[in-house]
Amino acid sequence: MGWKVNWWARMLDGNHAHLLIQNQLSPLGVNAAGGGTYPNLFDAHAPFQIDGNFGCTSGIAEMLVQSHDGAIHLLPALPDFWKEKGSISGLKTRGGFEILKMTWANGKVTSLQIKSNIGGNCRLRITTAIKGQKFNLQTAKGENSNPLFMTEETEKPIISPKASIKLATIPSTFLYDFATEKGKIYTFNVL
């Protein structure tokens, strides 16, 4: 179940991922299909599997921040249940960046503090426009110049004409670039 949380988060379906988290965190014996969680919060997939715990926590991080597609995507799969208000700190991303603190309200990022551990271009994907920053924040164009965000080109899949595929609904986002220096912290107040 923990691995499925990751997959649904990667598919940007936070509500489905959240449902799986609820199922995993239900007490042992409640789910007819088995599994659940012991009172000490260990994964109860018989007899005990640590990958359920690690997979679920990884999936939660994936719901809040992703960085696999050439940018740091903030709140990519936020479930409706978490939209009202929240915050995180300490998540690391590709490119040597750390989200020191991020807060949100009504499903939108309200403040963000990022540390650049090695310097280089930082590309942010966010659903809210960022304005009035003190450093050179630009609308991103083309490939990310930071080689640590390099993405592989994927071949077009072969799809059977009989397949019934429901495409994911991807919300519109803003894409920003800004140059960073090693060890510096960048703070955004998003309006």
N, C-alpha and C. Protein backbone atom coordinates (compact mmCIF):
# COMPACT_ATOMS: atom_id res chain seq x y z
N MET A 1 0.82 -1.18 0.00
CA MET A 1 0.00 0.00 0.00
C MET A 1 0.87 1.26 0.00
N GLY A 2 2.01 1.22 0.70
CA GLY A 2 2.90 2.37 0.74
C GLY A 2 3.41 2.74 -0.64
N TRP A 3 3.72 1.73 -1.45
CA TRP A 3 4.20 2.01 -2.81
C TRP A 3 3.09 2.62 -3.66
N LYS A 4 1.85 2.20 -3.43
CA LYS A 4 0.73 2.76 -4.20
C LYS A 4 0.52 4.23 -3.86
N VAL A 5 0.79 4.62 -2.61
CA VAL A 5 0.68 6.04 -2.24
C VAL A 5 1.63 6.84 -3.12
N ASN A 6 2.87 6.34 -3.30
CA ASN A 6 3.85 7.02 -4.15
C ASN A 6 3.36 7.14 -5.59
N TRP A 7 2.81 6.06 -6.13
CA TRP A 7 2.37 6.08 -7.52
C TRP A 7 1.22 7.06 -7.73
N TRP A 8 0.25 7.08 -6.83
CA TRP A 8 -0.87 8.00 -6.99
C TRP A 8 -0.42 9.45 -6.80
N ALA A 9 0.53 9.66 -5.91
CA ALA A 9 1.09 11.02 -5.75
C ALA A 9 1.80 11.43 -7.03
N ARG A 10 2.57 10.53 -7.62
CA ARG A 10 3.27 10.84 -8.87
C ARG A 10 2.29 11.12 -10.01
N MET A 11 1.11 10.50 -9.94
CA MET A 11 0.07 10.74 -10.94
C MET A 11 -0.75 11.99 -10.61
N LEU A 12 -0.33 12.72 -9.58
CA LEU A 12 -0.95 13.98 -9.13
C LEU A 12 -2.36 13.80 -8.60
N ASP A 13 -2.66 12.60 -8.08
CA ASP A 13 -3.98 12.31 -7.51
C ASP A 13 -3.84 12.18 -6.00
N GLY A 14 -3.81 13.34 -5.33
CA GLY A 14 -3.63 13.36 -3.89
C GLY A 14 -4.77 12.73 -3.12
N ASN A 15 -5.99 12.82 -3.63
CA ASN A 15 -7.13 12.23 -2.92
C ASN A 15 -7.03 10.70 -2.90
N HIS A 16 -6.61 10.10 -4.00
CA HIS A 16 -6.45 8.64 -4.04
C HIS A 16 -5.30 8.22 -3.11
N ALA A 17 -4.19 8.98 -3.14
CA ALA A 17 -3.06 8.67 -2.26
C ALA A 17 -3.48 8.79 -0.80
N HIS A 18 -4.29 9.80 -0.47
CA HIS A 18 -4.75 10.00 0.91
C HIS A 18 -5.64 8.84 1.36
N LEU A 19 -6.49 8.35 0.48
CA LEU A 19 -7.34 7.20 0.82
C LEU A 19 -6.48 5.99 1.18
N LEU A 20 -5.41 5.76 0.43
CA LEU A 20 -4.52 4.64 0.72
C LEU A 20 -3.81 4.83 2.06
N ILE A 21 -3.43 6.07 2.38
CA ILE A 21 -2.80 6.34 3.68
C ILE A 21 -3.79 6.03 4.80
N GLN A 22 -5.04 6.43 4.63
CA GLN A 22 -6.05 6.12 5.65
C GLN A 22 -6.21 4.62 5.81
N ASN A 23 -6.24 3.88 4.69
CA ASN A 23 -6.36 2.42 4.78
C ASN A 23 -5.16 1.82 5.49
N GLN A 24 -3.97 2.31 5.17
CA GLN A 24 -2.77 1.76 5.80
C GLN A 24 -2.74 2.06 7.29
N LEU A 25 -3.22 3.22 7.68
CA LEU A 25 -3.17 3.60 9.10
C LEU A 25 -4.35 3.07 9.91
N SER A 26 -5.25 2.33 9.28
CA SER A 26 -6.34 1.74 10.06
C SER A 26 -5.79 0.62 10.94
N PRO A 27 -6.34 0.45 12.13
CA PRO A 27 -5.84 -0.58 13.04
C PRO A 27 -5.93 -1.98 12.44
N LEU A 28 -4.99 -2.83 12.80
CA LEU A 28 -4.96 -4.22 12.33
C LEU A 28 -6.31 -4.88 12.57
N GLY A 29 -6.84 -5.55 11.54
CA GLY A 29 -8.09 -6.27 11.65
C GLY A 29 -9.30 -5.50 11.16
N VAL A 30 -9.18 -4.21 10.90
CA VAL A 30 -10.31 -3.41 10.43
C VAL A 30 -10.57 -3.63 8.94
N ASN A 31 -9.49 -3.70 8.14
CA ASN A 31 -9.62 -3.91 6.70
C ASN A 31 -9.93 -5.37 6.40
N ALA A 32 -10.96 -5.61 5.61
CA ALA A 32 -11.32 -6.99 5.24
C ALA A 32 -10.21 -7.65 4.44
N ALA A 33 -9.46 -6.85 3.67
CA ALA A 33 -8.39 -7.40 2.83
C ALA A 33 -7.12 -7.66 3.63
N GLY A 34 -7.10 -7.33 4.91
CA GLY A 34 -5.91 -7.54 5.73
C GLY A 34 -5.07 -6.28 5.79
N GLY A 35 -3.89 -6.43 6.40
CA GLY A 35 -2.99 -5.30 6.51
C GLY A 35 -3.44 -4.35 7.59
N GLY A 36 -3.02 -3.11 7.48
CA GLY A 36 -3.31 -2.10 8.47
C GLY A 36 -2.07 -1.75 9.26
N THR A 37 -2.26 -1.29 10.49
CA THR A 37 -1.16 -0.82 11.31
C THR A 37 -1.29 -1.36 12.72
N TYR A 38 -0.14 -1.77 13.28
CA TYR A 38 -0.09 -2.19 14.67
C TYR A 38 -0.20 -0.95 15.57
N PRO A 39 -0.53 -1.12 16.87
CA PRO A 39 -0.63 0.03 17.78
C PRO A 39 0.64 0.88 17.83
N ASN A 40 1.83 0.28 17.56
CA ASN A 40 3.08 1.04 17.57
C ASN A 40 3.35 1.74 16.23
N LEU A 41 2.37 1.72 15.31
CA LEU A 41 2.41 2.32 13.98
C LEU A 41 3.29 1.57 12.97
N PHE A 42 3.75 0.37 13.30
CA PHE A 42 4.45 -0.45 12.31
C PHE A 42 3.42 -1.01 11.33
N ASP A 43 3.83 -1.14 10.09
CA ASP A 43 2.98 -1.70 9.04
C ASP A 43 2.65 -3.16 9.37
N ALA A 44 1.38 -3.52 9.33
CA ALA A 44 0.94 -4.85 9.77
C ALA A 44 0.79 -5.84 8.63
N HIS A 45 1.35 -5.55 7.47
CA HIS A 45 1.29 -6.55 6.40
C HIS A 45 2.09 -7.74 6.90
N ALA A 46 1.42 -8.85 7.10
CA ALA A 46 1.95 -10.00 7.85
C ALA A 46 3.36 -10.40 7.44
N PRO A 47 4.21 -10.66 8.43
CA PRO A 47 4.03 -10.34 9.84
C PRO A 47 4.35 -8.88 10.12
N PHE A 48 5.31 -8.31 9.40
CA PHE A 48 5.67 -6.89 9.50
C PHE A 48 6.58 -6.57 8.34
N GLN A 49 6.32 -5.47 7.67
CA GLN A 49 7.18 -5.09 6.54
C GLN A 49 7.50 -3.61 6.64
N ILE A 50 8.78 -3.31 6.83
CA ILE A 50 9.21 -1.93 7.00
C ILE A 50 9.00 -1.12 5.73
N ASP A 51 8.96 -1.79 4.57
CA ASP A 51 8.77 -1.02 3.33
C ASP A 51 7.40 -0.35 3.30
N GLY A 52 6.43 -0.88 4.05
CA GLY A 52 5.13 -0.21 4.15
C GLY A 52 5.26 1.13 4.86
N ASN A 53 6.05 1.16 5.95
CA ASN A 53 6.27 2.41 6.67
C ASN A 53 7.10 3.40 5.84
N PHE A 54 8.20 2.91 5.27
CA PHE A 54 9.04 3.79 4.46
C PHE A 54 8.31 4.25 3.20
N GLY A 55 7.59 3.34 2.56
CA GLY A 55 6.86 3.69 1.34
C GLY A 55 5.79 4.73 1.59
N CYS A 56 5.08 4.60 2.70
CA CYS A 56 4.01 5.56 3.02
C CYS A 56 4.59 6.94 3.32
N THR A 57 5.65 7.02 4.12
CA THR A 57 6.23 8.32 4.42
C THR A 57 6.84 8.95 3.17
N SER A 58 7.43 8.14 2.32
CA SER A 58 7.95 8.65 1.05
C SER A 58 6.82 9.18 0.19
N GLY A 59 5.69 8.49 0.18
CA GLY A 59 4.53 8.92 -0.59
C GLY A 59 3.97 10.24 -0.09
N ILE A 60 3.97 10.43 1.22
CA ILE A 60 3.50 11.69 1.79
C ILE A 60 4.41 12.84 1.32
N ALA A 61 5.72 12.62 1.35
CA ALA A 61 6.65 13.64 0.85
C ALA A 61 6.40 13.91 -0.62
N GLU A 62 6.12 12.88 -1.39
CA GLU A 62 5.85 13.00 -2.84
C GLU A 62 4.56 13.77 -3.10
N MET A 63 3.62 13.71 -2.18
CA MET A 63 2.37 14.46 -2.32
C MET A 63 2.62 15.96 -2.13
N LEU A 64 3.66 16.32 -1.36
CA LEU A 64 3.91 17.71 -1.01
C LEU A 64 4.99 18.39 -1.86
N VAL A 65 5.99 17.64 -2.29
CA VAL A 65 7.08 18.19 -3.11
C VAL A 65 7.58 17.10 -4.04
N GLN A 66 7.72 17.42 -5.32
CA GLN A 66 8.33 16.52 -6.30
C GLN A 66 9.40 17.29 -7.05
N SER A 67 10.45 16.59 -7.49
CA SER A 67 11.51 17.27 -8.24
C SER A 67 12.08 16.39 -9.35
N HIS A 68 11.30 15.46 -9.85
CA HIS A 68 11.79 14.51 -10.85
C HIS A 68 11.66 15.00 -12.29
N ASP A 69 10.88 16.03 -12.54
CA ASP A 69 10.59 16.42 -13.93
C ASP A 69 11.28 17.71 -14.35
N GLY A 70 12.41 18.04 -13.74
CA GLY A 70 13.16 19.22 -14.14
C GLY A 70 12.88 20.46 -13.33
N ALA A 71 12.02 20.36 -12.32
CA ALA A 71 11.67 21.51 -11.48
C ALA A 71 11.26 21.02 -10.09
N ILE A 72 11.28 21.92 -9.13
CA ILE A 72 10.74 21.61 -7.81
C ILE A 72 9.26 21.96 -7.87
N HIS A 73 8.42 20.94 -7.83
CA HIS A 73 6.97 21.11 -7.93
C HIS A 73 6.41 21.14 -6.51
N LEU A 74 5.84 22.27 -6.13
CA LEU A 74 5.30 22.45 -4.79
C LEU A 74 3.83 22.09 -4.73
N LEU A 75 3.44 21.28 -3.76
CA LEU A 75 2.07 20.80 -3.54
C LEU A 75 1.47 20.15 -4.80
N PRO A 76 2.18 19.22 -5.42
CA PRO A 76 1.69 18.62 -6.66
C PRO A 76 0.48 17.72 -6.49
N ALA A 77 0.34 17.09 -5.32
CA ALA A 77 -0.75 16.13 -5.12
C ALA A 77 -1.37 16.34 -3.73
N LEU A 78 -1.69 17.58 -3.42
CA LEU A 78 -2.27 17.90 -2.12
C LEU A 78 -3.72 17.42 -2.08
N PRO A 79 -4.05 16.50 -1.16
CA PRO A 79 -5.44 16.03 -1.10
C PRO A 79 -6.37 17.11 -0.54
N ASP A 80 -7.63 17.03 -0.89
CA ASP A 80 -8.61 18.00 -0.41
C ASP A 80 -8.62 18.10 1.11
N PHE A 81 -8.39 16.97 1.79
CA PHE A 81 -8.44 16.91 3.24
C PHE A 81 -7.36 17.77 3.89
N TRP A 82 -6.22 18.02 3.18
CA TRP A 82 -5.11 18.80 3.73
C TRP A 82 -5.08 20.23 3.21
N LYS A 83 -6.01 20.62 2.33
CA LYS A 83 -5.89 21.91 1.63
C LYS A 83 -6.05 23.13 2.52
N GLU A 84 -6.87 23.06 3.55
CA GLU A 84 -7.20 24.26 4.33
C GLU A 84 -5.97 24.99 4.83
N LYS A 85 -5.07 24.27 5.50
CA LYS A 85 -3.90 24.91 6.09
C LYS A 85 -2.87 23.84 6.43
N GLY A 86 -1.58 24.17 6.22
CA GLY A 86 -0.54 23.22 6.58
C GLY A 86 0.84 23.80 6.41
N SER A 87 1.82 23.02 6.86
CA SER A 87 3.22 23.43 6.70
C SER A 87 4.10 22.20 6.74
N ILE A 88 5.28 22.32 6.13
CA ILE A 88 6.29 21.27 6.17
C ILE A 88 7.65 21.93 6.32
N SER A 89 8.63 21.14 6.69
CA SER A 89 10.01 21.63 6.74
C SER A 89 10.95 20.45 6.56
N GLY A 90 12.12 20.73 6.00
CA GLY A 90 13.18 19.74 5.93
C GLY A 90 13.16 18.79 4.75
N LEU A 91 12.29 18.98 3.76
CA LEU A 91 12.29 18.08 2.61
C LEU A 91 13.40 18.48 1.65
N LYS A 92 14.15 17.49 1.17
CA LYS A 92 15.25 17.75 0.23
C LYS A 92 14.80 17.41 -1.17
N THR A 93 15.36 18.13 -2.16
CA THR A 93 14.98 17.94 -3.55
C THR A 93 16.22 17.71 -4.41
N ARG A 94 15.99 17.35 -5.63
CA ARG A 94 17.09 17.27 -6.58
C ARG A 94 17.69 18.65 -6.75
N GLY A 95 18.90 18.68 -7.21
CA GLY A 95 19.57 19.96 -7.40
C GLY A 95 20.25 20.48 -6.15
N GLY A 96 20.19 19.73 -5.03
CA GLY A 96 20.84 20.16 -3.80
C GLY A 96 20.08 21.23 -3.05
N PHE A 97 18.75 21.22 -3.15
CA PHE A 97 17.94 22.22 -2.47
C PHE A 97 17.21 21.58 -1.30
N GLU A 98 16.91 22.41 -0.30
CA GLU A 98 16.15 21.95 0.87
C GLU A 98 15.03 22.93 1.13
N ILE A 99 13.82 22.39 1.28
CA ILE A 99 12.68 23.22 1.67
C ILE A 99 12.78 23.38 3.18
N LEU A 100 13.30 24.52 3.61
CA LEU A 100 13.44 24.76 5.05
C LEU A 100 12.07 24.92 5.69
N LYS A 101 11.18 25.62 4.98
CA LYS A 101 9.81 25.77 5.48
C LYS A 101 8.90 26.16 4.31
N MET A 102 7.73 25.54 4.29
CA MET A 102 6.70 25.90 3.31
C MET A 102 5.36 25.87 4.05
N THR A 103 4.57 26.91 3.87
CA THR A 103 3.22 26.94 4.44
C THR A 103 2.23 27.09 3.30
N TRP A 104 1.01 26.62 3.56
CA TRP A 104 -0.05 26.79 2.57
C TRP A 104 -1.38 27.01 3.26
N ALA A 105 -2.29 27.62 2.51
CA ALA A 105 -3.67 27.83 2.94
C ALA A 105 -4.55 27.73 1.71
N ASN A 106 -5.71 27.11 1.86
CA ASN A 106 -6.65 26.93 0.76
C ASN A 106 -5.99 26.30 -0.47
N GLY A 107 -5.06 25.38 -0.23
CA GLY A 107 -4.41 24.65 -1.32
C GLY A 107 -3.34 25.41 -2.07
N LYS A 108 -2.98 26.62 -1.60
CA LYS A 108 -1.99 27.46 -2.27
C LYS A 108 -0.82 27.74 -1.34
N VAL A 109 0.40 27.71 -1.88
CA VAL A 109 1.58 28.06 -1.09
C VAL A 109 1.46 29.52 -0.66
N THR A 110 1.70 29.78 0.63
CA THR A 110 1.65 31.15 1.14
C THR A 110 3.05 31.68 1.46
N SER A 111 3.95 30.81 1.88
CA SER A 111 5.33 31.23 2.12
C SER A 111 6.25 30.04 1.87
N LEU A 112 7.49 30.38 1.50
CA LEU A 112 8.45 29.34 1.13
C LEU A 112 9.84 29.83 1.48
N GLN A 113 10.62 28.94 2.07
CA GLN A 113 12.02 29.23 2.37
C GLN A 113 12.84 28.05 1.87
N ILE A 114 13.75 28.34 0.91
CA ILE A 114 14.57 27.30 0.27
C ILE A 114 16.03 27.59 0.53
N LYS A 115 16.78 26.55 0.88
CA LYS A 115 18.22 26.68 1.03
C LYS A 115 18.89 26.00 -0.16
N SER A 116 19.86 26.68 -0.75
CA SER A 116 20.65 26.10 -1.84
C SER A 116 21.93 25.55 -1.23
N ASN A 117 22.06 24.24 -1.22
CA ASN A 117 23.23 23.61 -0.59
C ASN A 117 24.46 23.59 -1.49
N ILE A 118 24.27 23.67 -2.82
CA ILE A 118 25.43 23.61 -3.73
C ILE A 118 25.41 24.71 -4.79
N GLY A 119 24.39 25.56 -4.81
CA GLY A 119 24.31 26.62 -5.80
C GLY A 119 23.73 26.11 -7.11
N GLY A 120 23.54 27.01 -8.05
CA GLY A 120 23.01 26.66 -9.36
C GLY A 120 21.58 27.14 -9.55
N ASN A 121 21.06 26.89 -10.74
CA ASN A 121 19.70 27.33 -11.07
C ASN A 121 18.66 26.54 -10.28
N CYS A 122 17.69 27.26 -9.75
CA CYS A 122 16.56 26.63 -9.07
C CYS A 122 15.32 26.93 -9.92
N ARG A 123 14.61 25.88 -10.27
CA ARG A 123 13.38 26.03 -11.04
C ARG A 123 12.22 25.59 -10.15
N LEU A 124 11.24 26.49 -9.99
CA LEU A 124 10.06 26.20 -9.17
C LEU A 124 8.83 26.06 -10.04
N ARG A 125 8.00 25.06 -9.75
CA ARG A 125 6.68 24.90 -10.36
C ARG A 125 5.68 25.08 -9.23
N ILE A 126 4.77 26.06 -9.41
CA ILE A 126 3.85 26.43 -8.34
C ILE A 126 2.54 26.91 -8.96
N THR A 127 1.43 26.70 -8.27
CA THR A 127 0.13 27.09 -8.82
C THR A 127 -0.20 28.56 -8.59
N THR A 128 0.60 29.25 -7.78
CA THR A 128 0.34 30.65 -7.45
C THR A 128 1.46 31.52 -8.02
N ALA A 129 1.11 32.66 -8.58
CA ALA A 129 2.12 33.59 -9.10
C ALA A 129 2.95 34.16 -7.95
N ILE A 130 4.24 34.32 -8.18
CA ILE A 130 5.14 34.92 -7.19
C ILE A 130 5.52 36.30 -7.72
N LYS A 131 5.35 37.32 -6.88
CA LYS A 131 5.65 38.69 -7.32
C LYS A 131 6.44 39.43 -6.25
N GLY A 132 7.17 40.45 -6.68
CA GLY A 132 7.83 41.37 -5.76
C GLY A 132 8.97 40.79 -4.96
N GLN A 133 9.75 39.90 -5.52
CA GLN A 133 10.88 39.33 -4.79
C GLN A 133 12.11 40.21 -4.97
N LYS A 134 13.05 40.12 -4.03
CA LYS A 134 14.24 40.95 -4.04
C LYS A 134 15.32 40.41 -4.98
N PHE A 135 15.24 39.18 -5.41
CA PHE A 135 16.24 38.62 -6.29
C PHE A 135 15.64 38.38 -7.67
N ASN A 136 16.47 37.99 -8.61
CA ASN A 136 16.09 37.92 -10.02
C ASN A 136 15.29 36.67 -10.35
N LEU A 137 14.02 36.70 -10.08
CA LEU A 137 13.11 35.60 -10.38
C LEU A 137 12.56 35.82 -11.79
N GLN A 138 12.72 34.82 -12.65
CA GLN A 138 12.30 34.96 -14.04
C GLN A 138 11.37 33.82 -14.43
N THR A 139 10.49 34.09 -15.40
CA THR A 139 9.66 33.03 -15.94
C THR A 139 10.59 32.05 -16.67
N ALA A 140 10.47 30.77 -16.36
CA ALA A 140 11.37 29.75 -16.93
C ALA A 140 11.02 29.48 -18.39
N LYS A 141 12.07 29.24 -19.17
CA LYS A 141 11.91 28.90 -20.58
C LYS A 141 12.88 27.78 -20.92
N GLY A 142 12.45 26.84 -21.75
CA GLY A 142 13.34 25.77 -22.21
C GLY A 142 13.72 24.80 -21.11
N GLU A 143 14.80 24.06 -21.37
CA GLU A 143 15.29 23.08 -20.40
C GLU A 143 15.95 23.79 -19.21
N ASN A 144 15.91 23.17 -18.06
CA ASN A 144 16.55 23.70 -16.87
C ASN A 144 18.07 23.65 -17.09
N SER A 145 18.76 24.75 -16.84
CA SER A 145 20.21 24.81 -17.04
C SER A 145 20.98 24.06 -15.96
N ASN A 146 20.32 23.67 -14.89
CA ASN A 146 20.98 22.93 -13.80
C ASN A 146 21.04 21.46 -14.20
N PRO A 147 22.24 20.90 -14.41
CA PRO A 147 22.35 19.51 -14.86
C PRO A 147 21.79 18.50 -13.85
N LEU A 148 21.64 18.88 -12.60
CA LEU A 148 21.08 17.97 -11.60
C LEU A 148 19.57 17.81 -11.73
N PHE A 149 18.96 18.58 -12.61
CA PHE A 149 17.53 18.45 -12.89
C PHE A 149 17.29 17.82 -14.26
N MET A 150 18.33 17.27 -14.86
CA MET A 150 18.20 16.69 -16.19
C MET A 150 17.12 15.60 -16.19
N THR A 151 16.31 15.61 -17.23
CA THR A 151 15.27 14.59 -17.37
C THR A 151 15.55 13.76 -18.62
N GLU A 152 15.17 12.52 -18.56
CA GLU A 152 15.33 11.61 -19.70
C GLU A 152 14.16 11.78 -20.64
N GLU A 153 14.43 11.70 -21.91
CA GLU A 153 13.36 11.76 -22.89
C GLU A 153 12.69 10.38 -22.96
N THR A 154 11.38 10.38 -22.89
CA THR A 154 10.62 9.13 -22.89
C THR A 154 10.02 8.91 -24.27
N GLU A 155 10.18 7.70 -24.75
CA GLU A 155 9.59 7.38 -26.06
C GLU A 155 8.07 7.35 -25.95
N LYS A 156 7.43 7.63 -27.07
CA LYS A 156 5.97 7.61 -27.11
C LYS A 156 5.50 6.16 -26.87
N PRO A 157 4.57 5.96 -25.95
CA PRO A 157 4.13 4.59 -25.65
C PRO A 157 3.25 4.02 -26.77
N ILE A 158 3.26 2.70 -26.85
CA ILE A 158 2.37 2.00 -27.77
C ILE A 158 1.09 1.72 -27.00
N ILE A 159 -0.02 2.24 -27.49
CA ILE A 159 -1.30 2.09 -26.80
C ILE A 159 -2.27 1.35 -27.71
N SER A 160 -2.85 0.31 -27.18
CA SER A 160 -3.83 -0.48 -27.93
C SER A 160 -5.04 0.39 -28.27
N PRO A 161 -5.58 0.27 -29.48
CA PRO A 161 -6.79 1.03 -29.81
C PRO A 161 -7.99 0.62 -28.96
N LYS A 162 -7.90 -0.54 -28.30
CA LYS A 162 -8.99 -1.02 -27.45
C LYS A 162 -8.89 -0.46 -26.03
N ALA A 163 -7.77 0.18 -25.72
CA ALA A 163 -7.54 0.68 -24.36
C ALA A 163 -8.44 1.88 -24.06
N SER A 164 -8.95 1.89 -22.85
CA SER A 164 -9.75 3.03 -22.38
C SER A 164 -8.90 3.73 -21.33
N ILE A 165 -8.34 4.87 -21.71
CA ILE A 165 -7.41 5.56 -20.82
C ILE A 165 -7.99 6.91 -20.41
N LYS A 166 -8.04 7.12 -19.10
CA LYS A 166 -8.48 8.40 -18.56
C LYS A 166 -7.23 9.20 -18.23
N LEU A 167 -7.01 10.30 -18.94
CA LEU A 167 -5.83 11.11 -18.71
C LEU A 167 -5.98 11.93 -17.42
N ALA A 168 -4.85 12.15 -16.78
CA ALA A 168 -4.84 12.95 -15.55
C ALA A 168 -5.15 14.40 -15.87
N THR A 169 -5.87 15.05 -14.96
CA THR A 169 -6.12 16.48 -15.09
C THR A 169 -4.97 17.20 -14.41
N ILE A 170 -4.22 17.95 -15.18
CA ILE A 170 -3.05 18.63 -14.64
C ILE A 170 -3.38 20.11 -14.49
N PRO A 171 -3.33 20.63 -13.25
CA PRO A 171 -3.65 22.04 -13.05
C PRO A 171 -2.58 22.94 -13.67
N SER A 172 -2.98 24.16 -14.07
CA SER A 172 -1.98 25.08 -14.62
C SER A 172 -1.05 25.54 -13.51
N THR A 173 0.20 25.73 -13.91
CA THR A 173 1.21 26.15 -12.94
C THR A 173 2.05 27.27 -13.54
N PHE A 174 2.75 27.96 -12.66
CA PHE A 174 3.75 28.94 -13.06
C PHE A 174 5.11 28.28 -12.90
N LEU A 175 6.03 28.59 -13.79
CA LEU A 175 7.36 27.99 -13.77
C LEU A 175 8.38 29.13 -13.70
N TYR A 176 9.18 29.14 -12.63
CA TYR A 176 10.14 30.22 -12.40
C TYR A 176 11.55 29.67 -12.27
N ASP A 177 12.53 30.45 -12.71
CA ASP A 177 13.95 30.17 -12.53
C ASP A 177 14.57 31.29 -11.71
N PHE A 178 15.55 30.94 -10.88
CA PHE A 178 16.38 31.95 -10.25
C PHE A 178 17.73 31.34 -9.92
N ALA A 179 18.77 32.16 -10.07
CA ALA A 179 20.13 31.71 -9.78
C ALA A 179 20.34 31.70 -8.27
N THR A 180 21.04 30.66 -7.79
CA THR A 180 21.29 30.56 -6.35
C THR A 180 22.78 30.43 -6.09
N GLU A 181 23.16 30.76 -4.88
CA GLU A 181 24.54 30.61 -4.44
C GLU A 181 24.58 29.58 -3.31
N LYS A 182 25.66 28.83 -3.27
CA LYS A 182 25.85 27.80 -2.25
C LYS A 182 25.68 28.37 -0.84
N GLY A 183 24.83 27.70 -0.06
CA GLY A 183 24.64 28.07 1.34
C GLY A 183 23.63 29.18 1.60
N LYS A 184 23.14 29.84 0.55
CA LYS A 184 22.19 30.94 0.74
C LYS A 184 20.77 30.43 0.90
N ILE A 185 19.97 31.21 1.62
CA ILE A 185 18.56 30.90 1.87
C ILE A 185 17.72 31.93 1.13
N TYR A 186 16.69 31.45 0.44
CA TYR A 186 15.81 32.30 -0.36
C TYR A 186 14.39 32.20 0.21
N THR A 187 13.82 33.35 0.51
CA THR A 187 12.50 33.40 1.14
C THR A 187 11.49 34.05 0.21
N PHE A 188 10.34 33.42 0.06
CA PHE A 188 9.26 33.92 -0.79
C PHE A 188 8.02 34.09 0.07
N ASN A 189 7.35 35.20 -0.10
CA ASN A 189 6.01 35.38 0.45
C ASN A 189 5.09 35.45 -0.75
N VAL A 190 4.31 34.45 -0.92
CA VAL A 190 3.45 34.33 -2.10
C VAL A 190 2.11 34.97 -1.79
N LEU A 191 1.65 35.84 -2.66
CA LEU A 191 0.38 36.54 -2.44
C LEU A 191 -0.68 36.01 -3.36
